[in-house]
Amino acid sequence: MMDAIRSVGAHVLGLLRALGQAAIFFAELVRVLPQALRRFSLVVAQIHAIGNRSLVIILASGLAVGFVLALQMYYALVAYGAAESLGLIVNLSLVRELGPVVTALLFAGRAGTSLTAEIGLMKAGEQLAAMELMAIDPRARVLAPRLLGGVVAMPLLAILFSAIGIVGAWVVAVGLIGIDAGNFWSIQQARVDIWRDIGNGVAKSAVFGLICTFVALYQGYVTEATPEGVAYATTRTVVISSLAVLGMDFILTALMFSTP
C-alpha cells in the first residue's frame, strides 16, 4: 500500500515539476518577445515557413470536411424539414469549432513535429550551445520568432480551412443535392455574426496556435540530444498538443458561447 502511495506521489511531483519548468520557460519566451519583434523579418520568415508546411493538408482536409459535413447535415435536417438551414449549420460548425480545432490538430501533427525535430536537432548538433557561447540568446534568436510565427499562422490556416470547407459544402449542397444557391448563401449572411462567430473562432485558433507552437518548441528544447530523444519528443508534441487543444476548446467554448 505504501509503495503504491509513494509511486503516485512521485508521479504527481514529477508532473508538477514538469509544469513548473514549462511555466518558467514560457515566461522566459514572453520576456524575449520584444527582441524578436525588433527583427520582424525573422518572424515573417517563420510565418511563411510554418504556414507552407501545413497549407496543403489544411486545404485538402477542409475540402473533405466540407463535403462530408454537407451530406451528414442534409440527411439530419431534411428529416425535420429544415434543409434550408444547411448553409448556416455548416458555416457555424466550421467557423466556431471544426475550423479552429481540426486545424490545430493538423498543425500539431505537421508543423509542430517539424518544429520539435528542428530544435531538437539544433540542440543535438550543439548549435544552441554555440549561440550561448557567442552571447546570443537562442530563445530570442531561434525560439521567439517561431512562437510568434505559429500564433500568427494558425488563425490564417483556420480561416482557410473554414473557407474551403464552406466552398466544399456549397459544391455538395448545390451541385449534388440541389439546394438553392441563393438560399445557401443568404441564410449565412443573415445569421452569422462576424464578431461573435467568426471573431471568436479566430481568437480560439490564435490560442491554439500559441499552445501547439509552445509545446513543440519546449519539447524540442528540453529533449535529450540523441536520435531517440528527438523521436520521443516529436511523439510527446503531438500527444500533449492534441490533449491541450481539446481541453482548451471546451473552456473557450464555455466562455465564448455560454450566453445568448
Protein backbone atom coordinates (compact mmCIF):
# COMPACT_ATOMS: atom_id res chain seq x y z
CA MET A 1 0.00 0.00 0.00
CA MET A 2 2.75 2.44 0.98
CA ASP A 3 4.67 1.61 -2.18
CA ALA A 4 1.64 2.50 -4.29
CA ILE A 5 1.23 5.79 -2.44
CA ARG A 6 4.91 6.60 -2.93
CA SER A 7 4.64 5.78 -6.64
CA VAL A 8 1.60 8.01 -7.09
CA GLY A 9 3.27 10.78 -5.10
CA ALA A 10 6.41 10.53 -7.21
CA HIS A 11 4.40 10.79 -10.42
CA VAL A 12 2.46 13.79 -9.10
CA LEU A 13 5.65 15.54 -8.04
CA GLY A 14 7.21 14.81 -11.42
CA LEU A 15 4.18 16.26 -13.18
CA LEU A 16 4.23 19.38 -11.01
CA ARG A 17 7.96 19.79 -11.61
CA ALA A 18 7.46 19.50 -15.39
CA LEU A 19 4.62 22.03 -15.31
CA GLY A 20 6.76 24.42 -13.30
CA GLN A 21 9.67 24.12 -15.72
CA ALA A 22 7.32 24.70 -18.66
CA ALA A 23 5.85 27.78 -16.96
CA ILE A 24 9.32 29.22 -16.36
CA PHE A 25 10.28 28.50 -19.96
CA PHE A 26 7.11 30.23 -21.19
CA ALA A 27 7.83 33.28 -19.03
CA GLU A 28 11.34 33.48 -20.47
CA LEU A 29 9.95 33.32 -24.00
CA VAL A 30 7.46 36.09 -23.26
CA ARG A 31 10.30 38.19 -21.84
CA VAL A 32 12.31 37.99 -25.08
CA LEU A 33 9.38 38.52 -27.47
CA PRO A 34 10.15 42.26 -27.85
CA GLN A 35 13.63 41.34 -29.08
CA ALA A 36 12.09 39.07 -31.72
CA LEU A 37 9.73 41.84 -32.84
CA ARG A 38 12.71 44.10 -33.44
CA ARG A 39 13.83 41.54 -36.03
CA PHE A 40 10.45 41.24 -37.67
CA SER A 41 11.92 39.71 -40.82
CA LEU A 42 12.65 36.57 -38.80
CA VAL A 43 9.02 36.40 -37.70
CA VAL A 44 7.78 36.86 -41.27
CA ALA A 45 10.10 34.08 -42.44
CA GLN A 46 8.69 31.75 -39.78
CA ILE A 47 5.09 32.62 -40.66
CA HIS A 48 5.88 31.70 -44.26
CA ALA A 49 7.71 28.52 -43.33
CA ILE A 50 5.18 27.27 -40.76
CA GLY A 51 2.21 28.14 -42.96
CA ASN A 52 3.65 26.44 -46.02
CA ARG A 53 4.36 23.28 -44.05
CA SER A 54 0.69 22.86 -43.28
CA LEU A 55 -1.10 24.58 -46.17
CA VAL A 56 -1.68 21.58 -48.45
CA ILE A 57 -3.02 19.27 -45.75
CA ILE A 58 -5.17 22.08 -44.33
CA LEU A 59 -6.81 22.83 -47.68
CA ALA A 60 -7.32 19.16 -48.57
CA SER A 61 -8.76 18.37 -45.15
CA GLY A 62 -11.01 21.43 -45.17
CA LEU A 63 -12.46 20.48 -48.54
CA ALA A 64 -13.09 16.90 -47.42
CA VAL A 65 -14.69 18.04 -44.16
CA GLY A 66 -16.96 20.41 -46.10
CA PHE A 67 -18.08 17.60 -48.39
CA VAL A 68 -18.88 15.20 -45.56
CA LEU A 69 -20.42 17.84 -43.30
CA ALA A 70 -22.86 18.96 -46.00
CA LEU A 71 -24.01 15.39 -46.64
CA GLN A 72 -24.40 14.48 -42.98
CA MET A 73 -26.16 17.72 -42.04
CA TYR A 74 -28.53 17.44 -45.00
CA TYR A 75 -29.62 13.92 -44.05
CA ALA A 76 -30.23 15.09 -40.48
CA LEU A 77 -32.01 18.35 -41.36
CA VAL A 78 -34.24 17.03 -44.14
CA ALA A 79 -35.94 14.69 -41.66
CA TYR A 80 -37.18 17.76 -39.78
CA GLY A 81 -37.97 19.87 -42.83
CA ALA A 82 -35.09 22.24 -42.14
CA ALA A 83 -32.89 21.58 -45.17
CA GLU A 84 -32.84 25.31 -45.95
CA SER A 85 -30.69 25.81 -42.83
CA LEU A 86 -27.89 23.65 -44.22
CA GLY A 87 -25.64 26.59 -45.16
CA LEU A 88 -25.99 28.13 -41.70
CA ILE A 89 -25.27 24.91 -39.83
CA VAL A 90 -22.21 24.16 -41.96
CA ASN A 91 -20.88 27.70 -41.57
CA LEU A 92 -21.28 27.81 -37.79
CA SER A 93 -19.85 24.32 -37.37
CA LEU A 94 -16.74 25.28 -39.31
CA VAL A 95 -16.02 28.79 -38.06
CA ARG A 96 -16.86 28.05 -34.42
CA GLU A 97 -15.48 24.56 -33.85
CA LEU A 98 -14.22 22.39 -36.67
CA GLY A 99 -12.07 25.05 -38.32
CA PRO A 100 -10.01 26.01 -35.25
CA VAL A 101 -9.88 22.54 -33.68
CA VAL A 102 -9.13 20.41 -36.74
CA THR A 103 -6.62 22.97 -37.98
CA ALA A 104 -4.85 22.88 -34.60
CA LEU A 105 -4.71 19.07 -34.59
CA LEU A 106 -3.33 19.00 -38.14
CA PHE A 107 -0.91 21.80 -37.26
CA ALA A 108 0.38 19.82 -34.28
CA GLY A 109 0.93 16.74 -36.41
CA ARG A 110 2.60 18.56 -39.28
CA ALA A 111 4.29 21.83 -38.31
CA GLY A 112 4.53 21.02 -34.59
CA THR A 113 6.56 17.85 -35.05
CA SER A 114 8.74 19.63 -37.60
CA LEU A 115 9.50 22.42 -35.12
CA THR A 116 10.30 19.91 -32.38
CA ALA A 117 12.63 17.95 -34.61
CA GLU A 118 14.27 21.15 -35.87
CA ILE A 119 15.00 22.47 -32.38
CA GLY A 120 15.98 19.04 -31.12
CA LEU A 121 18.49 18.56 -33.93
CA MET A 122 19.90 22.04 -33.31
CA LYS A 123 20.40 21.03 -29.69
CA ALA A 124 21.93 17.69 -30.66
CA GLY A 125 24.27 19.47 -33.06
CA GLU A 126 25.22 21.93 -30.27
CA GLN A 127 24.11 24.90 -32.37
CA LEU A 128 22.13 26.33 -29.44
CA ALA A 129 25.13 25.93 -27.15
CA ALA A 130 27.31 27.68 -29.73
CA MET A 131 24.92 30.63 -29.77
CA GLU A 132 25.16 30.91 -25.99
CA LEU A 133 28.96 30.90 -26.22
CA MET A 134 28.71 33.83 -28.64
CA ALA A 135 26.48 35.70 -26.16
CA ILE A 136 23.39 35.18 -28.36
CA ASP A 137 20.26 34.15 -26.52
CA PRO A 138 18.81 31.20 -28.50
CA ARG A 139 15.38 31.92 -27.03
CA ALA A 140 15.33 35.37 -28.61
CA ARG A 141 17.05 34.40 -31.86
CA VAL A 142 15.55 30.96 -32.56
CA LEU A 143 12.53 30.22 -30.39
CA ALA A 144 10.66 33.52 -30.04
CA PRO A 145 10.30 34.16 -33.82
CA ARG A 146 8.91 30.65 -34.25
CA LEU A 147 6.44 31.19 -31.40
CA LEU A 148 5.16 34.40 -32.96
CA GLY A 149 5.07 32.75 -36.37
CA GLY A 150 2.90 29.93 -35.06
CA VAL A 151 0.50 32.30 -33.29
CA VAL A 152 0.01 34.32 -36.48
CA ALA A 153 -0.04 31.37 -38.92
CA MET A 154 -2.65 29.31 -37.05
CA PRO A 155 -5.58 31.77 -37.44
CA LEU A 156 -4.74 32.24 -41.12
CA LEU A 157 -4.76 28.47 -41.64
CA ALA A 158 -8.02 28.12 -39.69
CA ILE A 159 -9.66 30.80 -41.85
CA LEU A 160 -8.54 29.00 -44.99
CA PHE A 161 -9.79 25.67 -43.60
CA SER A 162 -13.24 27.12 -42.85
CA ALA A 163 -13.44 28.97 -46.18
CA ILE A 164 -12.54 25.95 -48.30
CA GLY A 165 -14.85 23.82 -46.16
CA ILE A 166 -17.78 26.15 -46.88
CA VAL A 167 -16.93 26.05 -50.58
CA GLY A 168 -16.86 22.24 -50.44
CA ALA A 169 -20.24 22.21 -48.68
CA TRP A 170 -21.63 24.53 -51.38
CA VAL A 171 -20.43 22.18 -54.11
CA VAL A 172 -22.21 19.23 -52.48
CA ALA A 173 -25.34 21.13 -51.39
CA VAL A 174 -25.95 22.98 -54.66
CA GLY A 175 -24.30 20.75 -57.23
CA LEU A 176 -25.11 17.32 -55.80
CA ILE A 177 -28.16 17.70 -53.58
CA GLY A 178 -29.86 20.53 -55.47
CA ILE A 179 -30.35 23.12 -52.72
CA ASP A 180 -30.97 26.66 -53.99
CA ALA A 181 -27.65 28.54 -54.14
CA GLY A 182 -29.22 31.85 -53.12
CA ASN A 183 -30.75 30.29 -50.02
CA PHE A 184 -27.46 28.60 -49.14
CA TRP A 185 -25.58 31.92 -49.06
CA SER A 186 -28.32 34.30 -47.88
CA ILE A 187 -29.01 32.46 -44.63
CA GLN A 188 -25.32 32.63 -43.78
CA GLN A 189 -25.21 36.37 -44.44
CA ALA A 190 -28.28 36.92 -42.28
CA ARG A 191 -27.46 34.69 -39.31
CA VAL A 192 -23.66 34.51 -38.97
CA ASP A 193 -22.24 37.27 -36.77
CA ILE A 194 -18.77 38.41 -37.78
CA TRP A 195 -17.64 39.12 -34.20
CA ARG A 196 -19.45 36.51 -32.12
CA ASP A 197 -19.00 33.61 -34.54
CA ILE A 198 -16.07 34.34 -36.84
CA GLY A 199 -14.19 36.55 -34.38
CA ASN A 200 -14.40 34.02 -31.56
CA GLY A 201 -13.28 31.27 -33.92
CA VAL A 202 -10.22 33.29 -34.91
CA ALA A 203 -9.46 34.03 -31.25
CA LYS A 204 -9.68 30.32 -30.42
CA SER A 205 -7.32 29.44 -33.26
CA ALA A 206 -4.79 32.04 -32.03
CA VAL A 207 -4.85 30.43 -28.57
CA PHE A 208 -4.45 27.00 -30.13
CA GLY A 209 -1.53 28.32 -32.18
CA LEU A 210 0.16 29.53 -29.01
CA ILE A 211 -0.38 26.17 -27.31
CA CYS A 212 0.79 23.99 -30.20
CA THR A 213 3.83 26.11 -31.04
CA PHE A 214 4.92 26.46 -27.42
CA VAL A 215 4.61 22.72 -26.76
CA ALA A 216 6.60 21.95 -29.92
CA LEU A 217 9.38 24.40 -29.04
CA TYR A 218 9.54 23.31 -25.40
CA GLN A 219 9.71 19.62 -26.24
CA GLY A 220 12.45 20.27 -28.76
CA TYR A 221 14.42 22.46 -26.35
CA VAL A 222 14.37 20.07 -23.38
CA THR A 223 14.77 16.81 -25.31
CA GLU A 224 17.78 14.61 -24.90
CA ALA A 225 20.39 15.31 -27.57
CA THR A 226 20.07 11.84 -29.13
CA PRO A 227 18.14 10.47 -32.11
CA GLU A 228 15.90 8.52 -29.73
CA GLY A 229 15.30 11.62 -27.63
CA VAL A 230 14.29 13.70 -30.64
CA ALA A 231 11.94 10.96 -31.89
CA TYR A 232 10.31 10.66 -28.46
CA ALA A 233 9.96 14.46 -28.23
CA THR A 234 8.04 14.63 -31.52
CA THR A 235 5.62 12.00 -30.22
CA ARG A 236 5.11 13.93 -26.99
CA THR A 237 4.47 17.08 -29.01
CA VAL A 238 1.53 15.53 -30.87
CA VAL A 239 0.02 13.92 -27.77
CA ILE A 240 0.35 16.92 -25.44
CA SER A 241 -0.71 19.46 -28.07
CA SER A 242 -3.78 17.45 -29.06
CA LEU A 243 -4.95 16.95 -25.48
CA ALA A 244 -4.28 20.58 -24.59
CA VAL A 245 -6.19 21.83 -27.63
CA LEU A 246 -9.22 19.65 -26.90
CA GLY A 247 -9.27 20.68 -23.25
CA MET A 248 -8.83 24.37 -24.02
CA ASP A 249 -11.52 24.16 -26.69
CA PHE A 250 -14.09 23.16 -24.09
CA ILE A 251 -13.04 26.01 -21.79
CA LEU A 252 -13.07 28.63 -24.54
CA THR A 253 -16.40 27.42 -25.94
CA ALA A 254 -17.96 27.62 -22.48
CA LEU A 255 -16.66 31.16 -22.03
CA MET A 256 -17.47 32.47 -25.52
CA PHE A 257 -20.81 30.89 -26.33
CA SER A 258 -22.41 30.29 -22.93
CA THR A 259 -24.54 33.47 -23.16
CA PRO A 260 -27.12 34.03 -25.94
